Amino acid sequence: MGYRKQLAASQLALLRYQQGAMTSGERVVVVLEGRDAAGKDGTIKRMTEHLTPRATRVVALPKPSDVQRGQWYFQRYVEHLPTKGELVIFNRSWYNRAGVEVVMGFSTEAEQAEFLRDAPDFERMLVESGIKLVKIWLDIDRDEQAKRLAERREDPLKALKLSDMDDVAQAKWDDYSRARDTMLTRTDTPLAPWTCVRADDKKKARLAVMRHLLRAAAPAEIANAVEAPDPQVLFPFSRATIEDGRLAR
């Protein structure tokens, strides 16, 4: 089966799942994190293409305001959590504190340490409140990132995808790798585990993410109607994924 047919089958399954979730009142949060240019926007676009905006929200928060910087760190994310029947996708999330803020020095070491200590407890409260929490890390290798960043600079239709962070993504590759490894290791828990996706092939990654979401959230009769995610593309995080090269160095 070609990509288009597989995509359509996954999107139809997501639509069927949402119809049931809106009736049952299920709440789902997807945290989508990853390397710069790993394909978060494209993945979200395919996931939500046929879902209803009435029960689907994509949250991509800007830099915090002065007021927000004076609040509890998780506070501005709490107000975006789903109500009954909603799916909320965080296109980057509270994990900014463990990633870009570490690499770029946007927060103090004490604030970063506090985050790594508190994030598992915050997520435990979400899960125990009845929210289904799905955490996904998109990973690409260094050459693929360089290629995609160059395409952004050259294609005027991708101008809005460019950011100041793109300019340092390659230069600080190793710093981002260390921050990623620490983040995944410290915040992977039985209640809120990380799932990793090798996203060098965008199409395979998109299919894997959608299938994983269905397996994690949808009833078996819906989830089992689509293929299981490719284990070479999508896999649970463990220390071994750092050491054996499944996560890019």
C-alpha atoms as a PDB file:
ATOM      1  CA  MET A   1       0.000   0.000   0.000  1.00  0.00           C
ATOM      2  CA  GLY A   2       1.377   3.399  -1.016  1.00  0.00           C
ATOM      3  CA  TYR A   3       1.909   6.351   1.278  1.00  0.00           C
ATOM      4  CA  ARG A   4      -1.284   8.173   0.274  1.00  0.00           C
ATOM      5  CA  LYS A   5      -3.470   5.173   1.033  1.00  0.00           C
ATOM      6  CA  GLN A   6      -1.703   4.525   4.336  1.00  0.00           C
ATOM      7  CA  LEU A   7      -2.062   8.186   5.280  1.00  0.00           C
ATOM      8  CA  ALA A   8      -5.769   8.171   4.421  1.00  0.00           C
ATOM      9  CA  ALA A   9      -6.320   5.015   6.470  1.00  0.00           C
ATOM     10  CA  SER A  10      -4.596   6.555   9.496  1.00  0.00           C
ATOM     11  CA  GLN A  11      -6.471   9.828   9.155  1.00  0.00           C
ATOM     12  CA  LEU A  12      -9.787   7.988   8.902  1.00  0.00           C
ATOM     13  CA  ALA A  13      -8.944   6.023  12.038  1.00  0.00           C
ATOM     14  CA  LEU A  14      -8.110   9.258  13.865  1.00  0.00           C
ATOM     15  CA  LEU A  15     -11.415  10.729  12.741  1.00  0.00           C
ATOM     16  CA  ARG A  16     -13.324   7.691  14.000  1.00  0.00           C
ATOM     17  CA  TYR A  17     -11.422   7.878  17.274  1.00  0.00           C
ATOM     18  CA  GLN A  18     -12.266  11.560  17.713  1.00  0.00           C
ATOM     19  CA  GLN A  19     -15.948  10.917  17.117  1.00  0.00           C
ATOM     20  CA  GLY A  20     -15.939   8.463  19.990  1.00  0.00           C
ATOM     21  CA  ALA A  21     -13.769  10.627  22.255  1.00  0.00           C
ATOM     22  CA  MET A  22     -16.103  13.600  21.844  1.00  0.00           C
ATOM     23  CA  THR A  23     -18.968  11.418  23.025  1.00  0.00           C
ATOM     24  CA  SER A  24     -17.090   9.780  25.906  1.00  0.00           C
ATOM     25  CA  GLY A  25     -15.407  12.998  27.054  1.00  0.00           C
ATOM     26  CA  GLU A  26     -11.882  11.637  26.804  1.00  0.00           C
ATOM     27  CA  ARG A  27      -9.038  14.147  27.188  1.00  0.00           C
ATOM     28  CA  VAL A  28      -5.746  13.668  25.324  1.00  0.00           C
ATOM     29  CA  VAL A  29      -2.540  15.681  25.358  1.00  0.00           C
ATOM     30  CA  VAL A  30       0.179  15.069  22.778  1.00  0.00           C
ATOM     31  CA  VAL A  31       3.580  16.586  23.530  1.00  0.00           C
ATOM     32  CA  LEU A  32       5.537  16.793  20.276  1.00  0.00           C
ATOM     33  CA  GLU A  33       9.190  17.678  20.717  1.00  0.00           C
ATOM     34  CA  GLY A  34      12.268  17.203  18.568  1.00  0.00           C
ATOM     35  CA  ARG A  35      15.286  18.586  16.809  1.00  0.00           C
ATOM     36  CA  ASP A  36      14.957  21.772  14.793  1.00  0.00           C
ATOM     37  CA  ALA A  37      13.578  20.865  11.326  1.00  0.00           C
ATOM     38  CA  ALA A  38      12.582  17.382  12.505  1.00  0.00           C
ATOM     39  CA  GLY A  39       9.128  17.750  10.942  1.00  0.00           C
ATOM     40  CA  LYS A  40       6.830  18.693  13.817  1.00  0.00           C
ATOM     41  CA  ASP A  41       4.702  21.107  11.760  1.00  0.00           C
ATOM     42  CA  GLY A  42       4.208  18.700   8.881  1.00  0.00           C
ATOM     43  CA  THR A  43       3.338  15.845  11.214  1.00  0.00           C
ATOM     44  CA  ILE A  44       0.748  17.933  13.043  1.00  0.00           C
ATOM     45  CA  LYS A  45      -0.754  19.117   9.759  1.00  0.00           C
ATOM     46  CA  ARG A  46      -1.375  15.534   8.619  1.00  0.00           C
ATOM     47  CA  MET A  47      -2.663  14.462  12.032  1.00  0.00           C
ATOM     48  CA  THR A  48      -5.236  17.247  12.269  1.00  0.00           C
ATOM     49  CA  GLU A  49      -6.154  17.683   8.589  1.00  0.00           C
ATOM     50  CA  HIS A  50      -9.570  16.031   8.881  1.00  0.00           C
ATOM     51  CA  LEU A  51     -10.254  16.453  12.602  1.00  0.00           C
ATOM     52  CA  THR A  52     -12.800  18.983  13.802  1.00  0.00           C
ATOM     53  CA  PRO A  53     -11.425  22.292  15.118  1.00  0.00           C
ATOM     54  CA  ARG A  54     -14.173  22.187  17.766  1.00  0.00           C
ATOM     55  CA  ALA A  55     -12.328  19.396  19.580  1.00  0.00           C
ATOM     56  CA  THR A  56      -8.755  19.824  18.354  1.00  0.00           C
ATOM     57  CA  ARG A  57      -6.273  22.459  19.436  1.00  0.00           C
ATOM     58  CA  VAL A  58      -2.643  22.935  18.452  1.00  0.00           C
ATOM     59  CA  VAL A  59      -0.721  24.951  21.038  1.00  0.00           C
ATOM     60  CA  ALA A  60       2.530  26.651  20.015  1.00  0.00           C
ATOM     61  CA  LEU A  61       3.278  29.272  22.638  1.00  0.00           C
ATOM     62  CA  PRO A  62       5.525  32.291  21.988  1.00  0.00           C
ATOM     63  CA  LYS A  63       8.215  33.474  24.377  1.00  0.00           C
ATOM     64  CA  PRO A  64       6.763  34.124  27.845  1.00  0.00           C
ATOM     65  CA  SER A  65       5.785  37.670  28.753  1.00  0.00           C
ATOM     66  CA  ASP A  66       7.215  39.497  31.747  1.00  0.00           C
ATOM     67  CA  VAL A  67       4.115  38.538  33.727  1.00  0.00           C
ATOM     68  CA  GLN A  68       4.428  34.877  32.744  1.00  0.00           C
ATOM     69  CA  ARG A  69       8.107  34.824  33.663  1.00  0.00           C
ATOM     70  CA  GLY A  70       7.036  35.729  37.185  1.00  0.00           C
ATOM     71  CA  GLN A  71       4.606  32.810  37.407  1.00  0.00           C
ATOM     72  CA  TRP A  72       5.046  29.149  38.271  1.00  0.00           C
ATOM     73  CA  TYR A  73       6.775  27.707  35.212  1.00  0.00           C
ATOM     74  CA  PHE A  74       4.003  25.259  34.282  1.00  0.00           C
ATOM     75  CA  GLN A  75       1.215  27.797  34.798  1.00  0.00           C
ATOM     76  CA  ARG A  76       0.885  29.066  31.249  1.00  0.00           C
ATOM     77  CA  TYR A  77       0.679  25.512  29.933  1.00  0.00           C
ATOM     78  CA  VAL A  78      -2.037  24.479  32.394  1.00  0.00           C
ATOM     79  CA  GLU A  79      -4.525  26.940  30.896  1.00  0.00           C
ATOM     80  CA  HIS A  80      -4.220  25.148  27.541  1.00  0.00           C
ATOM     81  CA  LEU A  81      -4.989  21.654  28.831  1.00  0.00           C
ATOM     82  CA  PRO A  82      -8.010  19.933  27.262  1.00  0.00           C
ATOM     83  CA  THR A  83     -11.559  19.878  28.468  1.00  0.00           C
ATOM     84  CA  LYS A  84     -13.787  16.840  27.971  1.00  0.00           C
ATOM     85  CA  GLY A  85     -13.670  15.466  24.439  1.00  0.00           C
ATOM     86  CA  GLU A  86     -10.650  17.515  23.358  1.00  0.00           C
ATOM     87  CA  LEU A  87      -7.321  16.612  21.780  1.00  0.00           C
ATOM     88  CA  VAL A  88      -4.564  19.141  22.477  1.00  0.00           C
ATOM     89  CA  ILE A  89      -1.234  18.935  20.656  1.00  0.00           C
ATOM     90  CA  PHE A  90       1.663  20.933  22.056  1.00  0.00           C
ATOM     91  CA  ASN A  91       4.002  21.909  19.229  1.00  0.00           C
ATOM     92  CA  ARG A  92       6.853  22.229  21.693  1.00  0.00           C
ATOM     93  CA  SER A  93       5.827  22.377  25.297  1.00  0.00           C
ATOM     94  CA  TRP A  94       7.064  22.785  28.836  1.00  0.00           C
ATOM     95  CA  TYR A  95      10.127  20.864  27.637  1.00  0.00           C
ATOM     96  CA  ASN A  96      11.558  24.090  26.228  1.00  0.00           C
ATOM     97  CA  ARG A  97      13.133  24.433  29.655  1.00  0.00           C
ATOM     98  CA  ALA A  98      15.077  21.198  29.201  1.00  0.00           C
ATOM     99  CA  GLY A  99      16.075  21.872  25.588  1.00  0.00           C
ATOM    100  CA  VAL A 100      16.551  25.257  23.978  1.00  0.00           C
ATOM    101  CA  GLU A 101      16.733  27.052  27.344  1.00  0.00           C
ATOM    102  CA  VAL A 102      19.606  24.825  28.398  1.00  0.00           C
ATOM    103  CA  VAL A 103      21.527  25.218  25.144  1.00  0.00           C
ATOM    104  CA  MET A 104      20.940  28.951  24.771  1.00  0.00           C
ATOM    105  CA  GLY A 105      21.123  29.873  28.450  1.00  0.00           C
ATOM    106  CA  PHE A 106      17.580  31.306  28.549  1.00  0.00           C
ATOM    107  CA  SER A 107      17.107  30.024  32.109  1.00  0.00           C
ATOM    108  CA  THR A 108      19.411  29.387  35.043  1.00  0.00           C
ATOM    109  CA  GLU A 109      20.940  26.047  35.963  1.00  0.00           C
ATOM    110  CA  ALA A 110      18.853  26.096  39.143  1.00  0.00           C
ATOM    111  CA  GLU A 111      15.653  26.598  37.124  1.00  0.00           C
ATOM    112  CA  GLN A 112      16.615  23.776  34.776  1.00  0.00           C
ATOM    113  CA  ALA A 113      17.354  21.417  37.674  1.00  0.00           C
ATOM    114  CA  GLU A 114      14.038  22.321  39.282  1.00  0.00           C
ATOM    115  CA  PHE A 115      12.241  21.542  36.033  1.00  0.00           C
ATOM    116  CA  LEU A 116      13.812  18.097  35.685  1.00  0.00           C
ATOM    117  CA  ARG A 117      12.788  17.340  39.256  1.00  0.00           C
ATOM    118  CA  ASP A 118       9.228  18.679  38.932  1.00  0.00           C
ATOM    119  CA  ALA A 119       8.199  17.622  35.396  1.00  0.00           C
ATOM    120  CA  PRO A 120       7.550  13.950  36.296  1.00  0.00           C
ATOM    121  CA  ASP A 121       5.334  15.028  39.211  1.00  0.00           C
ATOM    122  CA  PHE A 122       3.462  17.522  37.015  1.00  0.00           C
ATOM    123  CA  GLU A 123       2.826  14.836  34.416  1.00  0.00           C
ATOM    124  CA  ARG A 124       1.826  12.321  37.061  1.00  0.00           C
ATOM    125  CA  MET A 125      -0.893  14.731  38.183  1.00  0.00           C
ATOM    126  CA  LEU A 126      -2.117  15.107  34.602  1.00  0.00           C
ATOM    127  CA  VAL A 127      -2.335  11.353  34.090  1.00  0.00           C
ATOM    128  CA  GLU A 128      -3.939  10.712  37.461  1.00  0.00           C
ATOM    129  CA  SER A 129      -6.563  13.357  36.652  1.00  0.00           C
ATOM    130  CA  GLY A 130      -7.632  11.221  33.680  1.00  0.00           C
ATOM    131  CA  ILE A 131      -5.694  12.886  30.856  1.00  0.00           C
ATOM    132  CA  LYS A 132      -4.060  10.562  28.354  1.00  0.00           C
ATOM    133  CA  LEU A 133      -0.549  11.945  27.864  1.00  0.00           C
ATOM    134  CA  VAL A 134       1.469  10.960  24.788  1.00  0.00           C
ATOM    135  CA  LYS A 135       5.056  12.248  24.612  1.00  0.00           C
ATOM    136  CA  ILE A 136       6.896  11.982  21.290  1.00  0.00           C
ATOM    137  CA  TRP A 137      10.458  12.981  20.404  1.00  0.00           C
ATOM    138  CA  LEU A 138      11.271  13.430  16.683  1.00  0.00           C
ATOM    139  CA  ASP A 139      14.942  12.840  15.893  1.00  0.00           C
ATOM    140  CA  ILE A 140      16.941  13.372  12.689  1.00  0.00           C
ATOM    141  CA  ASP A 141      20.599  13.052  11.853  1.00  0.00           C
ATOM    142  CA  ARG A 142      22.910  16.014  11.439  1.00  0.00           C
ATOM    143  CA  ASP A 143      23.163  15.916   7.640  1.00  0.00           C
ATOM    144  CA  GLU A 144      19.390  15.710   7.219  1.00  0.00           C
ATOM    145  CA  GLN A 145      18.913  18.685   9.516  1.00  0.00           C
ATOM    146  CA  ALA A 146      21.459  20.710   7.531  1.00  0.00           C
ATOM    147  CA  LYS A 147      19.642  19.846   4.298  1.00  0.00           C
ATOM    148  CA  ARG A 148      16.228  20.876   5.650  1.00  0.00           C
ATOM    149  CA  LEU A 149      17.522  24.121   7.158  1.00  0.00           C
ATOM    150  CA  ALA A 150      19.104  25.027   3.811  1.00  0.00           C
ATOM    151  CA  GLU A 151      15.797  24.361   2.049  1.00  0.00           C
ATOM    152  CA  ARG A 152      14.043  26.736   4.458  1.00  0.00           C
ATOM    153  CA  ARG A 153      16.481  29.515   3.632  1.00  0.00           C
ATOM    154  CA  GLU A 154      16.169  28.979  -0.117  1.00  0.00           C
ATOM    155  CA  ASP A 155      12.387  28.507  -0.419  1.00  0.00           C
ATOM    156  CA  PRO A 156      10.392  31.753   0.002  1.00  0.00           C
ATOM    157  CA  LEU A 157       7.283  29.699   0.849  1.00  0.00           C
ATOM    158  CA  LYS A 158       9.091  28.425   3.956  1.00  0.00           C
ATOM    159  CA  ALA A 159      10.114  31.896   5.167  1.00  0.00           C
ATOM    160  CA  LEU A 160       7.803  31.736   8.185  1.00  0.00           C
ATOM    161  CA  LYS A 161       9.502  28.546   9.328  1.00  0.00           C
ATOM    162  CA  LEU A 162      12.823  30.332   9.751  1.00  0.00           C
ATOM    163  CA  SER A 163      13.816  31.333  13.255  1.00  0.00           C
ATOM    164  CA  ASP A 164      16.866  32.687  15.042  1.00  0.00           C
ATOM    165  CA  MET A 165      17.355  29.220  16.533  1.00  0.00           C
ATOM    166  CA  ASP A 166      17.872  27.741  13.066  1.00  0.00           C
ATOM    167  CA  ASP A 167      21.110  29.686  12.745  1.00  0.00           C
ATOM    168  CA  VAL A 168      22.692  27.869  15.688  1.00  0.00           C
ATOM    169  CA  ALA A 169      21.098  24.417  15.403  1.00  0.00           C
ATOM    170  CA  GLN A 170      24.056  22.944  13.546  1.00  0.00           C
ATOM    171  CA  ALA A 171      26.769  24.785  15.472  1.00  0.00           C
ATOM    172  CA  LYS A 172      25.268  23.629  18.772  1.00  0.00           C
ATOM    173  CA  TRP A 173      24.374  20.125  17.612  1.00  0.00           C
ATOM    174  CA  ASP A 174      26.379  18.403  20.362  1.00  0.00           C
ATOM    175  CA  ASP A 175      24.910  20.690  23.041  1.00  0.00           C
ATOM    176  CA  TYR A 176      21.414  19.831  21.865  1.00  0.00           C
ATOM    177  CA  SER A 177      22.294  16.125  21.902  1.00  0.00           C
ATOM    178  CA  ARG A 178      23.442  16.320  25.524  1.00  0.00           C
ATOM    179  CA  ALA A 179      20.345  18.295  26.537  1.00  0.00           C
ATOM    180  CA  ARG A 180      18.109  15.763  24.739  1.00  0.00           C
ATOM    181  CA  ASP A 181      19.768  12.814  26.446  1.00  0.00           C
ATOM    182  CA  THR A 182      19.419  14.376  29.891  1.00  0.00           C
ATOM    183  CA  MET A 183      15.815  15.392  29.269  1.00  0.00           C
ATOM    184  CA  LEU A 184      14.685  11.994  28.011  1.00  0.00           C
ATOM    185  CA  THR A 185      16.543  10.105  30.728  1.00  0.00           C
ATOM    186  CA  ARG A 186      15.268  12.241  33.610  1.00  0.00           C
ATOM    187  CA  THR A 187      11.639  12.581  32.491  1.00  0.00           C
ATOM    188  CA  ASP A 188      10.864   9.137  31.052  1.00  0.00           C
ATOM    189  CA  THR A 189       8.556   7.519  33.612  1.00  0.00           C
ATOM    190  CA  PRO A 190       6.181   4.522  33.637  1.00  0.00           C
ATOM    191  CA  LEU A 191       3.159   6.857  33.760  1.00  0.00           C
ATOM    192  CA  ALA A 192       4.491   9.266  31.115  1.00  0.00           C
ATOM    193  CA  PRO A 193       7.038   7.499  28.910  1.00  0.00           C
ATOM    194  CA  TRP A 194       8.832   8.986  25.910  1.00  0.00           C
ATOM    195  CA  THR A 195       8.436   7.491  22.450  1.00  0.00           C
ATOM    196  CA  CYS A 196      11.165   8.284  19.907  1.00  0.00           C
ATOM    197  CA  VAL A 197      10.771   8.593  16.139  1.00  0.00           C
ATOM    198  CA  ARG A 198      13.578   8.626  13.587  1.00  0.00           C
ATOM    199  CA  ALA A 199      12.194  11.260  11.242  1.00  0.00           C
ATOM    200  CA  ASP A 200      14.809  11.336   8.482  1.00  0.00           C
ATOM    201  CA  ASP A 201      12.048  10.025   6.205  1.00  0.00           C
ATOM    202  CA  LYS A 202       9.167  12.453   6.766  1.00  0.00           C
ATOM    203  CA  LYS A 203       6.462  10.220   5.361  1.00  0.00           C
ATOM    204  CA  LYS A 204       7.408   7.201   7.451  1.00  0.00           C
ATOM    205  CA  ALA A 205       7.645   9.395  10.548  1.00  0.00           C
ATOM    206  CA  ARG A 206       4.185  10.906  10.036  1.00  0.00           C
ATOM    207  CA  LEU A 207       2.585   7.499   9.624  1.00  0.00           C
ATOM    208  CA  ALA A 208       4.413   6.172  12.681  1.00  0.00           C
ATOM    209  CA  VAL A 209       3.275   9.064  14.882  1.00  0.00           C
ATOM    210  CA  MET A 210      -0.365   8.747  13.860  1.00  0.00           C
ATOM    211  CA  ARG A 211      -0.340   4.988  14.359  1.00  0.00           C
ATOM    212  CA  HIS A 212       1.290   5.382  17.755  1.00  0.00           C
ATOM    213  CA  LEU A 213      -1.309   7.924  18.852  1.00  0.00           C
ATOM    214  CA  LEU A 214      -4.050   5.535  17.833  1.00  0.00           C
ATOM    215  CA  ARG A 215      -2.406   2.664  19.717  1.00  0.00           C
ATOM    216  CA  ALA A 216      -2.017   4.869  22.794  1.00  0.00           C
ATOM    217  CA  ALA A 217      -5.460   6.460  22.856  1.00  0.00           C
ATOM    218  CA  ALA A 218      -8.015   4.754  20.598  1.00  0.00           C
ATOM    219  CA  PRO A 219     -10.125   1.667  21.379  1.00  0.00           C
ATOM    220  CA  ALA A 220      -8.638  -1.591  20.110  1.00  0.00           C
ATOM    221  CA  GLU A 221     -11.199  -1.996  17.334  1.00  0.00           C
ATOM    222  CA  ILE A 222      -9.976   1.285  15.807  1.00  0.00           C
ATOM    223  CA  ALA A 223      -6.270   1.050  16.622  1.00  0.00           C
ATOM    224  CA  ASN A 224      -5.916  -2.496  15.324  1.00  0.00           C
ATOM    225  CA  ALA A 225      -7.473  -1.561  11.983  1.00  0.00           C
ATOM    226  CA  VAL A 226      -4.258   0.250  10.970  1.00  0.00           C
ATOM    227  CA  GLU A 227      -0.763  -1.163  10.712  1.00  0.00           C
ATOM    228  CA  ALA A 228       1.469  -1.100  13.772  1.00  0.00           C
ATOM    229  CA  PRO A 229       4.201   1.555  13.710  1.00  0.00           C
ATOM    230  CA  ASP A 230       7.451   0.483  12.068  1.00  0.00           C
ATOM    231  CA  PRO A 231       9.767  -0.456  14.987  1.00  0.00           C
ATOM    232  CA  GLN A 232      12.750   0.775  12.993  1.00  0.00           C
ATOM    233  CA  VAL A 233      11.149   4.218  12.895  1.00  0.00           C
ATOM    234  CA  LEU A 234       9.283   4.442  16.213  1.00  0.00           C
ATOM    235  CA  PHE A 235      10.497   2.924  19.479  1.00  0.00           C
ATOM    236  CA  PRO A 236      10.221   3.497  23.237  1.00  0.00           C
ATOM    237  CA  PHE A 237      13.022   5.505  24.819  1.00  0.00           C
ATOM    238  CA  SER A 238      15.620   3.731  26.938  1.00  0.00           C
ATOM    239  CA  ARG A 239      19.274   4.291  27.713  1.00  0.00           C
ATOM    240  CA  ALA A 240      20.027   1.780  24.976  1.00  0.00           C
ATOM    241  CA  THR A 241      18.564   4.080  22.310  1.00  0.00           C
ATOM    242  CA  ILE A 242      21.278   6.621  23.144  1.00  0.00           C
ATOM    243  CA  GLU A 243      24.071   4.086  23.160  1.00  0.00           C
ATOM    244  CA  ASP A 244      23.152   2.001  20.099  1.00  0.00           C
ATOM    245  CA  GLY A 245      22.736   4.881  17.661  1.00  0.00           C
ATOM    246  CA  ARG A 246      18.980   4.853  17.240  1.00  0.00           C
ATOM    247  CA  LEU A 247      19.067   8.463  18.466  1.00  0.00           C
ATOM    248  CA  ALA A 248      21.340  10.575  16.285  1.00  0.00           C
ATOM    249  CA  ARG A 249      24.719  11.596  17.672  1.00  0.00           C
END
